Amino acid sequence: MSCACVKKEGILEESYMEKIEKILVPTDFSSNAERAVSYGITFAQSLKAKLFLLHVVHDLQGYIGFYVTNLPLSQLQKDLENEANQKMHALCNRYLTGPIDYESRVVTGIPILKILDWAKEIDADMIILGAKGNARPEHTFFGSVAERVVEKASCPVMIVREAEEP
């Protein structure tokens, strides 16, 4: 654990905050998730940290019986994955134009599990995510991803709330 010294009223006090070198920002591509990405970029640049962007495509196998579609489930899954990859590419091109070390990934699975898995894999020092993204029916049954990340993550989590309308 690294520590920093903070000068407060002429006295040096030790701070035991760990150095933030890896920031994970999960996104569902909603406007609020984009706000979280913006915060992630600001923190990463200020702290000279590496930024990790993640989007999890819901694994549709778990929704058999909930959703009815005219497409075969495998084709719908592939279409969702292709769309997510295009959106991630666009997000990176739009926001990550300056000098910043980053990695982006699109995976398929259960969002909370994939977020926590990648946070552990990269040894994330911080997770930044939007508090409310694209509303999905499963929220009623399972709770929000943000709530579960806060509850289960082994590193600090910053929640970016939706912007209030003027």
N, C-alpha and C. Protein backbone atom coordinates (compact mmCIF):
# COMPACT_ATOMS: atom_id res chain seq x y z
N MET A 1 0.85 -1.16 0.00
CA MET A 1 0.00 0.00 0.00
C MET A 1 0.89 1.23 0.00
N SER A 2 0.62 2.14 -0.91
CA SER A 2 1.38 3.38 -0.92
C SER A 2 0.60 4.43 -0.15
N CYS A 3 1.30 5.40 0.34
CA CYS A 3 0.60 6.46 1.06
C CYS A 3 1.13 7.79 0.57
N ALA A 4 0.35 8.81 0.75
CA ALA A 4 0.74 10.15 0.36
C ALA A 4 0.65 11.04 1.58
N CYS A 5 1.44 12.07 1.58
CA CYS A 5 1.37 13.03 2.68
C CYS A 5 0.55 14.23 2.24
N VAL A 6 -0.31 14.68 3.11
CA VAL A 6 -1.19 15.79 2.82
C VAL A 6 -0.90 16.89 3.83
N LYS A 7 -0.73 18.11 3.34
CA LYS A 7 -0.45 19.22 4.24
C LYS A 7 -1.79 19.85 4.64
N LYS A 8 -2.04 19.87 5.94
CA LYS A 8 -3.30 20.42 6.44
C LYS A 8 -2.96 21.35 7.59
N GLU A 9 -3.24 22.63 7.41
CA GLU A 9 -2.97 23.64 8.43
C GLU A 9 -1.53 23.57 8.92
N GLY A 10 -0.59 23.46 7.96
CA GLY A 10 0.81 23.48 8.30
C GLY A 10 1.36 22.18 8.86
N ILE A 11 0.51 21.14 9.00
CA ILE A 11 0.94 19.86 9.56
C ILE A 11 0.81 18.80 8.48
N LEU A 12 1.83 17.99 8.34
CA LEU A 12 1.75 16.89 7.38
C LEU A 12 1.02 15.71 8.01
N GLU A 13 0.04 15.22 7.31
CA GLU A 13 -0.70 14.05 7.77
C GLU A 13 -0.59 12.97 6.70
N GLU A 14 -0.45 11.74 7.13
CA GLU A 14 -0.37 10.65 6.18
C GLU A 14 -1.76 10.25 5.71
N SER A 15 -1.86 9.96 4.44
CA SER A 15 -3.10 9.46 3.87
C SER A 15 -2.81 8.05 3.36
N TYR A 16 -3.64 7.12 3.72
CA TYR A 16 -3.40 5.74 3.33
C TYR A 16 -4.23 5.33 2.12
N MET A 17 -4.56 6.28 1.28
CA MET A 17 -5.26 5.96 0.05
C MET A 17 -4.28 5.29 -0.91
N GLU A 18 -4.69 4.18 -1.44
CA GLU A 18 -3.83 3.48 -2.38
C GLU A 18 -3.75 4.25 -3.69
N LYS A 19 -2.62 4.10 -4.36
CA LYS A 19 -2.42 4.76 -5.65
C LYS A 19 -3.38 4.15 -6.67
N ILE A 20 -4.03 5.01 -7.41
CA ILE A 20 -4.98 4.55 -8.42
C ILE A 20 -4.26 4.51 -9.76
N GLU A 21 -4.04 3.29 -10.25
CA GLU A 21 -3.32 3.09 -11.51
C GLU A 21 -4.19 2.46 -12.59
N LYS A 22 -5.29 1.82 -12.19
CA LYS A 22 -6.17 1.12 -13.14
C LYS A 22 -7.62 1.45 -12.80
N ILE A 23 -8.31 2.05 -13.77
CA ILE A 23 -9.70 2.46 -13.56
C ILE A 23 -10.58 1.70 -14.55
N LEU A 24 -11.55 0.99 -14.03
CA LEU A 24 -12.50 0.25 -14.87
C LEU A 24 -13.79 1.05 -14.97
N VAL A 25 -14.25 1.26 -16.20
CA VAL A 25 -15.51 1.95 -16.45
C VAL A 25 -16.40 1.06 -17.30
N PRO A 26 -17.34 0.35 -16.66
CA PRO A 26 -18.32 -0.42 -17.44
C PRO A 26 -19.32 0.55 -18.08
N THR A 27 -19.77 0.23 -19.28
CA THR A 27 -20.72 1.10 -19.96
C THR A 27 -21.81 0.29 -20.63
N ASP A 28 -23.02 0.86 -20.62
CA ASP A 28 -24.11 0.26 -21.39
C ASP A 28 -24.48 1.19 -22.56
N PHE A 29 -23.63 2.21 -22.79
CA PHE A 29 -23.77 3.17 -23.87
C PHE A 29 -24.91 4.16 -23.66
N SER A 30 -25.52 4.19 -22.49
CA SER A 30 -26.55 5.20 -22.21
C SER A 30 -25.85 6.54 -22.01
N SER A 31 -26.64 7.62 -22.00
CA SER A 31 -26.05 8.95 -21.81
C SER A 31 -25.38 9.05 -20.45
N ASN A 32 -25.95 8.45 -19.43
CA ASN A 32 -25.34 8.50 -18.12
C ASN A 32 -24.05 7.68 -18.06
N ALA A 33 -24.02 6.57 -18.75
CA ALA A 33 -22.79 5.78 -18.82
C ALA A 33 -21.70 6.59 -19.52
N GLU A 34 -22.07 7.39 -20.50
CA GLU A 34 -21.09 8.24 -21.17
C GLU A 34 -20.56 9.30 -20.20
N ARG A 35 -21.40 9.78 -19.30
CA ARG A 35 -20.93 10.71 -18.25
C ARG A 35 -19.90 10.00 -17.38
N ALA A 36 -20.15 8.73 -17.05
CA ALA A 36 -19.19 7.97 -16.25
C ALA A 36 -17.88 7.80 -17.01
N VAL A 37 -17.95 7.57 -18.30
CA VAL A 37 -16.74 7.47 -19.13
C VAL A 37 -15.97 8.78 -19.07
N SER A 38 -16.68 9.88 -19.15
CA SER A 38 -16.04 11.20 -19.07
C SER A 38 -15.31 11.38 -17.74
N TYR A 39 -15.96 10.98 -16.64
CA TYR A 39 -15.31 11.03 -15.34
C TYR A 39 -14.08 10.11 -15.32
N GLY A 40 -14.23 8.93 -15.89
CA GLY A 40 -13.12 7.98 -15.93
C GLY A 40 -11.92 8.55 -16.67
N ILE A 41 -12.18 9.21 -17.78
CA ILE A 41 -11.11 9.82 -18.56
C ILE A 41 -10.42 10.91 -17.75
N THR A 42 -11.22 11.75 -17.10
CA THR A 42 -10.66 12.84 -16.29
C THR A 42 -9.79 12.29 -15.17
N PHE A 43 -10.28 11.29 -14.46
CA PHE A 43 -9.51 10.68 -13.39
C PHE A 43 -8.23 10.02 -13.94
N ALA A 44 -8.37 9.29 -15.03
CA ALA A 44 -7.21 8.59 -15.61
C ALA A 44 -6.13 9.57 -16.04
N GLN A 45 -6.54 10.66 -16.67
CA GLN A 45 -5.56 11.66 -17.10
C GLN A 45 -4.91 12.34 -15.90
N SER A 46 -5.71 12.71 -14.92
CA SER A 46 -5.18 13.40 -13.73
C SER A 46 -4.23 12.51 -12.93
N LEU A 47 -4.58 11.24 -12.83
CA LEU A 47 -3.80 10.31 -12.00
C LEU A 47 -2.76 9.52 -12.80
N LYS A 48 -2.73 9.76 -14.12
CA LYS A 48 -1.85 9.00 -15.01
C LYS A 48 -2.11 7.50 -14.88
N ALA A 49 -3.39 7.18 -14.83
CA ALA A 49 -3.84 5.79 -14.68
C ALA A 49 -4.26 5.24 -16.04
N LYS A 50 -4.31 3.92 -16.13
CA LYS A 50 -4.81 3.27 -17.34
C LYS A 50 -6.32 3.11 -17.19
N LEU A 51 -7.03 3.39 -18.28
CA LEU A 51 -8.48 3.31 -18.31
C LEU A 51 -8.90 2.02 -19.02
N PHE A 52 -9.82 1.30 -18.40
CA PHE A 52 -10.36 0.07 -18.98
C PHE A 52 -11.87 0.27 -19.19
N LEU A 53 -12.30 0.19 -20.44
CA LEU A 53 -13.72 0.31 -20.77
C LEU A 53 -14.29 -1.07 -21.05
N LEU A 54 -15.46 -1.33 -20.50
CA LEU A 54 -16.07 -2.65 -20.66
C LEU A 54 -17.55 -2.51 -20.98
N HIS A 55 -17.99 -3.27 -21.96
CA HIS A 55 -19.43 -3.43 -22.21
C HIS A 55 -19.74 -4.92 -22.17
N VAL A 56 -20.80 -5.25 -21.46
CA VAL A 56 -21.22 -6.65 -21.38
C VAL A 56 -22.54 -6.81 -22.14
N VAL A 57 -22.50 -7.63 -23.17
CA VAL A 57 -23.71 -7.98 -23.92
C VAL A 57 -24.40 -9.08 -23.12
N HIS A 58 -25.66 -8.85 -22.82
CA HIS A 58 -26.41 -9.86 -22.06
C HIS A 58 -26.43 -11.18 -22.83
N ASP A 59 -26.14 -12.25 -22.14
CA ASP A 59 -26.21 -13.59 -22.73
C ASP A 59 -27.69 -13.95 -22.82
N LEU A 60 -28.19 -14.05 -24.04
CA LEU A 60 -29.62 -14.27 -24.24
C LEU A 60 -30.09 -15.67 -23.84
N GLN A 61 -29.18 -16.58 -23.64
CA GLN A 61 -29.59 -17.93 -23.23
C GLN A 61 -30.40 -17.89 -21.94
N GLY A 62 -30.09 -16.94 -21.09
CA GLY A 62 -30.81 -16.81 -19.82
C GLY A 62 -32.19 -16.22 -19.96
N TYR A 63 -32.52 -15.72 -21.15
CA TYR A 63 -33.81 -15.07 -21.35
C TYR A 63 -34.78 -15.90 -22.19
N ILE A 64 -34.44 -17.14 -22.45
CA ILE A 64 -35.35 -17.99 -23.20
C ILE A 64 -36.66 -18.06 -22.44
N GLY A 65 -37.74 -17.75 -23.12
CA GLY A 65 -39.05 -17.75 -22.49
C GLY A 65 -39.50 -16.36 -22.07
N PHE A 66 -38.53 -15.43 -21.85
CA PHE A 66 -38.89 -14.05 -21.49
C PHE A 66 -39.13 -13.20 -22.72
N TYR A 67 -38.27 -13.37 -23.74
CA TYR A 67 -38.35 -12.57 -24.95
C TYR A 67 -38.75 -13.45 -26.12
N VAL A 68 -39.60 -12.91 -26.98
CA VAL A 68 -40.02 -13.61 -28.19
C VAL A 68 -39.44 -12.84 -29.36
N THR A 69 -38.79 -13.55 -30.26
CA THR A 69 -38.15 -12.91 -31.41
C THR A 69 -38.39 -13.74 -32.66
N ASN A 70 -38.37 -13.05 -33.80
CA ASN A 70 -38.51 -13.74 -35.08
C ASN A 70 -37.18 -14.29 -35.58
N LEU A 71 -36.08 -13.81 -35.01
CA LEU A 71 -34.75 -14.28 -35.38
C LEU A 71 -34.35 -15.47 -34.52
N PRO A 72 -33.54 -16.35 -35.06
CA PRO A 72 -32.98 -17.39 -34.19
C PRO A 72 -32.16 -16.70 -33.08
N LEU A 73 -32.21 -17.24 -31.90
CA LEU A 73 -31.54 -16.64 -30.75
C LEU A 73 -30.05 -16.43 -31.01
N SER A 74 -29.41 -17.38 -31.68
CA SER A 74 -27.98 -17.25 -31.96
C SER A 74 -27.70 -16.06 -32.88
N GLN A 75 -28.58 -15.81 -33.85
CA GLN A 75 -28.40 -14.67 -34.75
C GLN A 75 -28.63 -13.36 -34.01
N LEU A 76 -29.63 -13.31 -33.16
CA LEU A 76 -29.89 -12.12 -32.36
C LEU A 76 -28.70 -11.82 -31.45
N GLN A 77 -28.14 -12.86 -30.83
CA GLN A 77 -26.97 -12.69 -29.97
C GLN A 77 -25.81 -12.11 -30.76
N LYS A 78 -25.55 -12.65 -31.95
CA LYS A 78 -24.46 -12.18 -32.80
C LYS A 78 -24.69 -10.73 -33.22
N ASP A 79 -25.93 -10.38 -33.56
CA ASP A 79 -26.26 -9.00 -33.94
C ASP A 79 -26.00 -8.04 -32.78
N LEU A 80 -26.39 -8.43 -31.57
CA LEU A 80 -26.16 -7.60 -30.39
C LEU A 80 -24.66 -7.41 -30.14
N GLU A 81 -23.89 -8.45 -30.30
CA GLU A 81 -22.44 -8.37 -30.10
C GLU A 81 -21.80 -7.47 -31.14
N ASN A 82 -22.22 -7.58 -32.41
CA ASN A 82 -21.69 -6.72 -33.47
C ASN A 82 -22.03 -5.26 -33.21
N GLU A 83 -23.26 -5.00 -32.82
CA GLU A 83 -23.69 -3.64 -32.51
C GLU A 83 -22.89 -3.08 -31.34
N ALA A 84 -22.67 -3.88 -30.32
CA ALA A 84 -21.91 -3.43 -29.15
C ALA A 84 -20.47 -3.10 -29.53
N ASN A 85 -19.86 -3.91 -30.38
CA ASN A 85 -18.50 -3.63 -30.83
C ASN A 85 -18.43 -2.32 -31.62
N GLN A 86 -19.43 -2.07 -32.45
CA GLN A 86 -19.48 -0.81 -33.20
C GLN A 86 -19.64 0.38 -32.26
N LYS A 87 -20.51 0.23 -31.26
CA LYS A 87 -20.72 1.32 -30.30
C LYS A 87 -19.46 1.57 -29.47
N MET A 88 -18.75 0.53 -29.09
CA MET A 88 -17.53 0.70 -28.31
C MET A 88 -16.47 1.41 -29.15
N HIS A 89 -16.36 1.00 -30.41
CA HIS A 89 -15.40 1.65 -31.31
C HIS A 89 -15.73 3.14 -31.44
N ALA A 90 -17.00 3.46 -31.63
CA ALA A 90 -17.43 4.86 -31.76
C ALA A 90 -17.17 5.64 -30.47
N LEU A 91 -17.45 5.02 -29.34
CA LEU A 91 -17.22 5.67 -28.04
C LEU A 91 -15.73 6.01 -27.88
N CYS A 92 -14.87 5.06 -28.19
CA CYS A 92 -13.42 5.28 -28.06
C CYS A 92 -12.96 6.38 -29.02
N ASN A 93 -13.46 6.37 -30.25
CA ASN A 93 -13.08 7.40 -31.22
C ASN A 93 -13.57 8.79 -30.81
N ARG A 94 -14.72 8.85 -30.17
CA ARG A 94 -15.31 10.13 -29.77
C ARG A 94 -14.61 10.72 -28.54
N TYR A 95 -14.31 9.89 -27.55
CA TYR A 95 -13.82 10.41 -26.27
C TYR A 95 -12.33 10.22 -26.02
N LEU A 96 -11.72 9.25 -26.62
CA LEU A 96 -10.33 8.94 -26.30
C LEU A 96 -9.40 9.41 -27.41
N THR A 97 -9.38 10.70 -27.61
CA THR A 97 -8.59 11.28 -28.68
C THR A 97 -7.24 11.81 -28.19
N GLY A 98 -7.13 12.08 -26.91
CA GLY A 98 -5.90 12.63 -26.34
C GLY A 98 -4.96 11.53 -25.88
N PRO A 99 -3.88 11.96 -25.24
CA PRO A 99 -2.90 10.99 -24.75
C PRO A 99 -3.40 10.28 -23.49
N ILE A 100 -3.92 9.10 -23.67
CA ILE A 100 -4.41 8.32 -22.54
C ILE A 100 -4.19 6.84 -22.84
N ASP A 101 -3.75 6.12 -21.84
CA ASP A 101 -3.54 4.68 -21.96
C ASP A 101 -4.87 4.01 -21.66
N TYR A 102 -5.40 3.26 -22.62
CA TYR A 102 -6.68 2.60 -22.38
C TYR A 102 -6.76 1.26 -23.09
N GLU A 103 -7.73 0.49 -22.63
CA GLU A 103 -8.07 -0.79 -23.25
C GLU A 103 -9.58 -0.91 -23.21
N SER A 104 -10.16 -1.39 -24.29
CA SER A 104 -11.61 -1.59 -24.31
C SER A 104 -11.91 -3.04 -24.62
N ARG A 105 -13.06 -3.49 -24.11
CA ARG A 105 -13.43 -4.89 -24.29
C ARG A 105 -14.95 -4.99 -24.34
N VAL A 106 -15.44 -5.85 -25.23
CA VAL A 106 -16.86 -6.21 -25.28
C VAL A 106 -16.92 -7.70 -25.05
N VAL A 107 -17.70 -8.11 -24.05
CA VAL A 107 -17.83 -9.53 -23.72
C VAL A 107 -19.31 -9.88 -23.60
N THR A 108 -19.59 -11.17 -23.60
CA THR A 108 -20.97 -11.64 -23.45
C THR A 108 -21.08 -12.40 -22.14
N GLY A 109 -22.17 -12.14 -21.43
CA GLY A 109 -22.39 -12.84 -20.16
C GLY A 109 -23.36 -12.09 -19.27
N ILE A 110 -23.25 -12.33 -18.00
CA ILE A 110 -24.07 -11.66 -17.00
C ILE A 110 -23.28 -10.43 -16.55
N PRO A 111 -23.82 -9.22 -16.76
CA PRO A 111 -23.04 -8.00 -16.52
C PRO A 111 -22.32 -7.94 -15.17
N ILE A 112 -23.00 -8.17 -14.08
CA ILE A 112 -22.35 -8.05 -12.77
C ILE A 112 -21.17 -9.00 -12.65
N LEU A 113 -21.33 -10.22 -13.13
CA LEU A 113 -20.25 -11.20 -13.03
C LEU A 113 -19.06 -10.82 -13.90
N LYS A 114 -19.33 -10.37 -15.12
CA LYS A 114 -18.25 -10.01 -16.04
C LYS A 114 -17.52 -8.76 -15.56
N ILE A 115 -18.25 -7.80 -14.99
CA ILE A 115 -17.61 -6.59 -14.46
C ILE A 115 -16.67 -6.97 -13.32
N LEU A 116 -17.18 -7.75 -12.38
CA LEU A 116 -16.35 -8.14 -11.23
C LEU A 116 -15.18 -9.02 -11.65
N ASP A 117 -15.41 -9.90 -12.63
CA ASP A 117 -14.32 -10.76 -13.14
C ASP A 117 -13.20 -9.93 -13.75
N TRP A 118 -13.57 -8.95 -14.59
CA TRP A 118 -12.51 -8.16 -15.24
C TRP A 118 -11.83 -7.25 -14.23
N ALA A 119 -12.60 -6.72 -13.28
CA ALA A 119 -11.99 -5.89 -12.23
C ALA A 119 -10.92 -6.69 -11.49
N LYS A 120 -11.23 -7.95 -11.20
CA LYS A 120 -10.26 -8.81 -10.51
C LYS A 120 -9.08 -9.14 -11.42
N GLU A 121 -9.38 -9.47 -12.68
CA GLU A 121 -8.33 -9.85 -13.63
C GLU A 121 -7.31 -8.74 -13.83
N ILE A 122 -7.77 -7.50 -13.94
CA ILE A 122 -6.85 -6.38 -14.17
C ILE A 122 -6.36 -5.76 -12.87
N ASP A 123 -6.88 -6.25 -11.75
CA ASP A 123 -6.54 -5.71 -10.44
C ASP A 123 -6.90 -4.22 -10.39
N ALA A 124 -8.16 -3.91 -10.72
CA ALA A 124 -8.64 -2.53 -10.77
C ALA A 124 -8.50 -1.86 -9.41
N ASP A 125 -8.08 -0.61 -9.45
CA ASP A 125 -7.97 0.19 -8.23
C ASP A 125 -9.25 0.98 -7.97
N MET A 126 -10.07 1.13 -9.01
CA MET A 126 -11.30 1.90 -8.90
C MET A 126 -12.24 1.51 -10.04
N ILE A 127 -13.53 1.53 -9.75
CA ILE A 127 -14.56 1.31 -10.76
C ILE A 127 -15.44 2.56 -10.77
N ILE A 128 -15.72 3.06 -11.97
CA ILE A 128 -16.61 4.21 -12.12
C ILE A 128 -17.74 3.79 -13.04
N LEU A 129 -18.98 3.93 -12.57
CA LEU A 129 -20.10 3.57 -13.44
C LEU A 129 -21.32 4.42 -13.15
N GLY A 130 -22.20 4.48 -14.15
CA GLY A 130 -23.43 5.23 -14.02
C GLY A 130 -24.41 4.52 -13.12
N ALA A 131 -25.19 5.30 -12.37
CA ALA A 131 -26.14 4.73 -11.42
C ALA A 131 -27.39 4.22 -12.10
N LYS A 132 -27.71 4.77 -13.24
CA LYS A 132 -28.91 4.33 -13.93
C LYS A 132 -28.66 4.44 -15.42
N GLY A 133 -28.66 3.29 -16.07
CA GLY A 133 -28.43 3.28 -17.51
C GLY A 133 -29.69 2.89 -18.23
N ASN A 134 -29.54 2.01 -19.18
CA ASN A 134 -30.70 1.53 -19.92
C ASN A 134 -31.54 0.64 -19.02
N ALA A 135 -32.77 1.04 -18.75
CA ALA A 135 -33.64 0.26 -17.88
C ALA A 135 -34.00 -1.05 -18.56
N ARG A 136 -33.86 -2.13 -17.85
CA ARG A 136 -34.20 -3.44 -18.39
C ARG A 136 -35.16 -4.11 -17.43
N PRO A 137 -36.03 -4.97 -17.94
CA PRO A 137 -37.01 -5.62 -17.07
C PRO A 137 -36.39 -6.44 -15.95
N GLU A 138 -35.19 -6.99 -16.18
CA GLU A 138 -34.59 -7.83 -15.15
C GLU A 138 -34.22 -7.04 -13.90
N HIS A 139 -34.15 -5.70 -14.00
CA HIS A 139 -33.85 -4.89 -12.80
C HIS A 139 -34.89 -5.16 -11.71
N THR A 140 -36.12 -5.33 -12.13
CA THR A 140 -37.19 -5.62 -11.18
C THR A 140 -36.89 -6.89 -10.39
N PHE A 141 -36.28 -7.87 -11.04
CA PHE A 141 -36.02 -9.15 -10.41
C PHE A 141 -34.67 -9.21 -9.69
N PHE A 142 -33.66 -8.55 -10.26
CA PHE A 142 -32.31 -8.77 -9.77
C PHE A 142 -31.63 -7.53 -9.19
N GLY A 143 -32.21 -6.35 -9.28
CA GLY A 143 -31.55 -5.14 -8.79
C GLY A 143 -30.63 -4.57 -9.85
N SER A 144 -30.16 -3.36 -9.62
CA SER A 144 -29.33 -2.72 -10.64
C SER A 144 -27.90 -3.23 -10.59
N VAL A 145 -27.25 -3.12 -11.72
CA VAL A 145 -25.85 -3.52 -11.81
C VAL A 145 -25.02 -2.64 -10.89
N ALA A 146 -25.29 -1.34 -10.87
CA ALA A 146 -24.52 -0.42 -10.02
C ALA A 146 -24.62 -0.82 -8.56
N GLU A 147 -25.82 -1.13 -8.10
CA GLU A 147 -25.99 -1.54 -6.69
C GLU A 147 -25.17 -2.77 -6.38
N ARG A 148 -25.19 -3.71 -7.29
CA ARG A 148 -24.48 -4.98 -7.04
C ARG A 148 -22.97 -4.81 -7.13
N VAL A 149 -22.49 -3.93 -8.01
CA VAL A 149 -21.05 -3.67 -8.08
C VAL A 149 -20.58 -3.04 -6.78
N VAL A 150 -21.33 -2.05 -6.28
CA VAL A 150 -20.97 -1.42 -5.01
C VAL A 150 -20.90 -2.46 -3.90
N GLU A 151 -21.86 -3.35 -3.89
CA GLU A 151 -21.94 -4.37 -2.85
C GLU A 151 -20.81 -5.40 -2.93
N LYS A 152 -20.40 -5.78 -4.14
CA LYS A 152 -19.50 -6.92 -4.32
C LYS A 152 -18.06 -6.56 -4.68
N ALA A 153 -17.80 -5.36 -5.17
CA ALA A 153 -16.45 -5.02 -5.64
C ALA A 153 -15.45 -4.99 -4.50
N SER A 154 -14.22 -5.35 -4.81
CA SER A 154 -13.17 -5.35 -3.80
C SER A 154 -12.34 -4.06 -3.84
N CYS A 155 -12.73 -3.12 -4.70
CA CYS A 155 -12.03 -1.83 -4.78
C CYS A 155 -13.07 -0.71 -4.64
N PRO A 156 -12.63 0.52 -4.46
CA PRO A 156 -13.58 1.63 -4.38
C PRO A 156 -14.41 1.75 -5.66
N VAL A 157 -15.66 2.16 -5.49
CA VAL A 157 -16.58 2.33 -6.62
C VAL A 157 -17.13 3.75 -6.58
N MET A 158 -17.04 4.43 -7.70
CA MET A 158 -17.63 5.77 -7.82
C MET A 158 -18.87 5.66 -8.69
N ILE A 159 -19.98 6.15 -8.17
CA ILE A 159 -21.24 6.12 -8.91
C ILE A 159 -21.50 7.52 -9.47
N VAL A 160 -21.77 7.58 -10.76
CA VAL A 160 -22.09 8.84 -11.42
C VAL A 160 -23.61 8.85 -11.63
N ARG A 161 -24.25 9.77 -10.96
CA ARG A 161 -25.70 9.87 -11.06
C ARG A 161 -26.10 10.57 -12.34
N GLU A 162 -27.33 10.35 -12.75
CA GLU A 162 -27.84 11.02 -13.94
C GLU A 162 -27.86 12.52 -13.72
N ALA A 163 -27.60 13.27 -14.78
CA ALA A 163 -27.63 14.72 -14.69
C ALA A 163 -29.07 15.18 -14.46
N GLU A 164 -29.22 16.14 -13.57
CA GLU A 164 -30.55 16.69 -13.34
C GLU A 164 -30.91 17.62 -14.48
N GLU A 165 -32.15 17.56 -14.89
CA GLU A 165 -32.60 18.42 -15.96
C GLU A 165 -32.87 19.81 -15.40
N PRO A 166 -32.48 20.84 -16.17
CA PRO A 166 -32.65 22.23 -15.67
C PRO A 166 -34.10 22.62 -15.50
